[in-house]
Amino acid sequence: MISKRILTRTRFSFAEWVKVGVNIRAKLEKEALY
């Protein structure tokens, strides 16, 4: 997965990860409610 490659980049800010995580979680929740 791309995530693993991105994780190796320590410059990737935590704030960006939170944003990505929230977006993915919201998407998964929408699909689960389908």
PDB file of N, CA and C in Angstrom:
ATOM      1  N   MET A   1       0.833  -1.210   0.000  1.00  0.00           N
ATOM      2  CA  MET A   1       0.000   0.000   0.000  1.00  0.00           C
ATOM      3  C   MET A   1       0.862   1.252   0.000  1.00  0.00           C
ATOM      4  N   ILE A   2       0.294   2.324  -0.492  1.00  0.00           N
ATOM      5  CA  ILE A   2       1.017   3.607  -0.539  1.00  0.00           C
ATOM      6  C   ILE A   2       1.291   4.108   0.874  1.00  0.00           C
ATOM      7  N   SER A   3       0.362   3.825   1.788  1.00  0.00           N
ATOM      8  CA  SER A   3       0.496   4.310   3.171  1.00  0.00           C
ATOM      9  C   SER A   3       1.858   3.976   3.765  1.00  0.00           C
ATOM     10  N   LYS A   4       2.308   2.738   3.553  1.00  0.00           N
ATOM     11  CA  LYS A   4       3.574   2.311   4.140  1.00  0.00           C
ATOM     12  C   LYS A   4       4.721   3.168   3.619  1.00  0.00           C
ATOM     13  N   ARG A   5       4.699   3.468   2.334  1.00  0.00           N
ATOM     14  CA  ARG A   5       5.762   4.277   1.740  1.00  0.00           C
ATOM     15  C   ARG A   5       5.731   5.688   2.313  1.00  0.00           C
ATOM     16  N   ILE A   6       4.538   6.233   2.474  1.00  0.00           N
ATOM     17  CA  ILE A   6       4.402   7.589   3.029  1.00  0.00           C
ATOM     18  C   ILE A   6       4.861   7.619   4.483  1.00  0.00           C
ATOM     19  N   LEU A   7       4.576   6.539   5.215  1.00  0.00           N
ATOM     20  CA  LEU A   7       4.958   6.492   6.629  1.00  0.00           C
ATOM     21  C   LEU A   7       6.456   6.657   6.814  1.00  0.00           C
ATOM     22  N   THR A   8       7.242   6.245   5.828  1.00  0.00           N
ATOM     23  CA  THR A   8       8.698   6.354   5.946  1.00  0.00           C
ATOM     24  C   THR A   8       9.137   7.808   5.856  1.00  0.00           C
ATOM     25  N   ARG A   9       8.247   8.667   5.386  1.00  0.00           N
ATOM     26  CA  ARG A   9       8.600  10.092   5.285  1.00  0.00           C
ATOM     27  C   ARG A   9       8.273  10.778   6.606  1.00  0.00           C
ATOM     28  N   THR A  10       9.290  11.028   7.407  1.00  0.00           N
ATOM     29  CA  THR A  10       9.056  11.647   8.715  1.00  0.00           C
ATOM     30  C   THR A  10       8.643  13.102   8.564  1.00  0.00           C
ATOM     31  N   ARG A  11       8.855  13.669   7.390  1.00  0.00           N
ATOM     32  CA  ARG A  11       8.494  15.080   7.176  1.00  0.00           C
ATOM     33  C   ARG A  11       6.991  15.257   7.020  1.00  0.00           C
ATOM     34  N   PHE A  12       6.302  14.141   6.733  1.00  0.00           N
ATOM     35  CA  PHE A  12       4.853  14.216   6.584  1.00  0.00           C
ATOM     36  C   PHE A  12       4.260  14.618   7.931  1.00  0.00           C
ATOM     37  N   SER A  13       3.655  15.772   7.985  1.00  0.00           N
ATOM     38  CA  SER A  13       3.149  16.303   9.254  1.00  0.00           C
ATOM     39  C   SER A  13       2.001  15.484   9.840  1.00  0.00           C
ATOM     40  N   PHE A  14       1.939  15.483  11.168  1.00  0.00           N
ATOM     41  CA  PHE A  14       0.891  14.740  11.877  1.00  0.00           C
ATOM     42  C   PHE A  14      -0.491  15.301  11.536  1.00  0.00           C
ATOM     43  N   ALA A  15      -0.554  16.623  11.364  1.00  0.00           N
ATOM     44  CA  ALA A  15      -1.834  17.261  11.041  1.00  0.00           C
ATOM     45  C   ALA A  15      -2.380  16.705   9.729  1.00  0.00           C
ATOM     46  N   GLU A  16      -1.485  16.493   8.768  1.00  0.00           N
ATOM     47  CA  GLU A  16      -1.920  15.957   7.475  1.00  0.00           C
ATOM     48  C   GLU A  16      -2.468  14.549   7.665  1.00  0.00           C
ATOM     49  N   TRP A  17      -1.799  13.756   8.524  1.00  0.00           N
ATOM     50  CA  TRP A  17      -2.252  12.384   8.776  1.00  0.00           C
ATOM     51  C   TRP A  17      -3.638  12.390   9.410  1.00  0.00           C
ATOM     52  N   VAL A  18      -3.863  13.339  10.323  1.00  0.00           N
ATOM     53  CA  VAL A  18      -5.175  13.412  10.986  1.00  0.00           C
ATOM     54  C   VAL A  18      -6.248  13.701   9.937  1.00  0.00           C
ATOM     55  N   LYS A  19      -5.925  14.637   9.025  1.00  0.00           N
ATOM     56  CA  LYS A  19      -6.876  15.002   7.976  1.00  0.00           C
ATOM     57  C   LYS A  19      -7.199  13.790   7.110  1.00  0.00           C
ATOM     58  N   VAL A  20      -6.152  13.086   6.698  1.00  0.00           N
ATOM     59  CA  VAL A  20      -6.332  11.902   5.850  1.00  0.00           C
ATOM     60  C   VAL A  20      -7.136  10.839   6.593  1.00  0.00           C
ATOM     61  N   GLY A  21      -6.785  10.622   7.860  1.00  0.00           N
ATOM     62  CA  GLY A  21      -7.482   9.618   8.657  1.00  0.00           C
ATOM     63  C   GLY A  21      -8.967   9.927   8.786  1.00  0.00           C
ATOM     64  N   VAL A  22      -9.288  11.175   9.033  1.00  0.00           N
ATOM     65  CA  VAL A  22     -10.697  11.573   9.188  1.00  0.00           C
ATOM     66  C   VAL A  22     -11.447  11.349   7.879  1.00  0.00           C
ATOM     67  N   ASN A  23     -10.802  11.713   6.762  1.00  0.00           N
ATOM     68  CA  ASN A  23     -11.453  11.536   5.457  1.00  0.00           C
ATOM     69  C   ASN A  23     -11.716  10.066   5.168  1.00  0.00           C
ATOM     70  N   ILE A  24     -10.718   9.230   5.436  1.00  0.00           N
ATOM     71  CA  ILE A  24     -10.868   7.794   5.184  1.00  0.00           C
ATOM     72  C   ILE A  24     -11.938   7.209   6.097  1.00  0.00           C
ATOM     73  N   ARG A  25     -11.917   7.622   7.352  1.00  0.00           N
ATOM     74  CA  ARG A  25     -12.888   7.090   8.311  1.00  0.00           C
ATOM     75  C   ARG A  25     -14.312   7.481   7.905  1.00  0.00           C
ATOM     76  N   ALA A  26     -14.492   8.724   7.484  1.00  0.00           N
ATOM     77  CA  ALA A  26     -15.814   9.188   7.067  1.00  0.00           C
ATOM     78  C   ALA A  26     -16.282   8.384   5.855  1.00  0.00           C
ATOM     79  N   LYS A  27     -15.357   8.119   4.942  1.00  0.00           N
ATOM     80  CA  LYS A  27     -15.701   7.357   3.741  1.00  0.00           C
ATOM     81  C   LYS A  27     -16.118   5.938   4.116  1.00  0.00           C
ATOM     82  N   LEU A  28     -15.350   5.322   5.015  1.00  0.00           N
ATOM     83  CA  LEU A  28     -15.666   3.954   5.431  1.00  0.00           C
ATOM     84  C   LEU A  28     -17.010   3.900   6.146  1.00  0.00           C
ATOM     85  N   GLU A  29     -17.288   4.904   6.961  1.00  0.00           N
ATOM     86  CA  GLU A  29     -18.556   4.921   7.700  1.00  0.00           C
ATOM     87  C   GLU A  29     -19.728   5.061   6.731  1.00  0.00           C
ATOM     88  N   LYS A  30     -19.540   5.881   5.687  1.00  0.00           N
ATOM     89  CA  LYS A  30     -20.609   6.058   4.700  1.00  0.00           C
ATOM     90  C   LYS A  30     -20.882   4.737   3.997  1.00  0.00           C
ATOM     91  N   GLU A  31     -19.796   4.041   3.627  1.00  0.00           N
ATOM     92  CA  GLU A  31     -19.960   2.764   2.932  1.00  0.00           C
ATOM     93  C   GLU A  31     -20.601   1.729   3.849  1.00  0.00           C
ATOM     94  N   ALA A  32     -20.252   1.781   5.141  1.00  0.00           N
ATOM     95  CA  ALA A  32     -20.797   0.817   6.099  1.00  0.00           C
ATOM     96  C   ALA A  32     -22.299   1.048   6.285  1.00  0.00           C
ATOM     97  N   LEU A  33     -22.711   2.313   6.216  1.00  0.00           N
ATOM     98  CA  LEU A  33     -24.129   2.637   6.406  1.00  0.00           C
ATOM     99  C   LEU A  33     -24.942   2.297   5.164  1.00  0.00           C
ATOM    100  N   TYR A  34     -24.266   2.114   4.062  1.00  0.00           N
ATOM    101  CA  TYR A  34     -24.973   1.851   2.807  1.00  0.00           C
ATOM    102  C   TYR A  34     -25.870   0.625   2.943  1.00  0.00           C
TER     103      TYR A  34
END
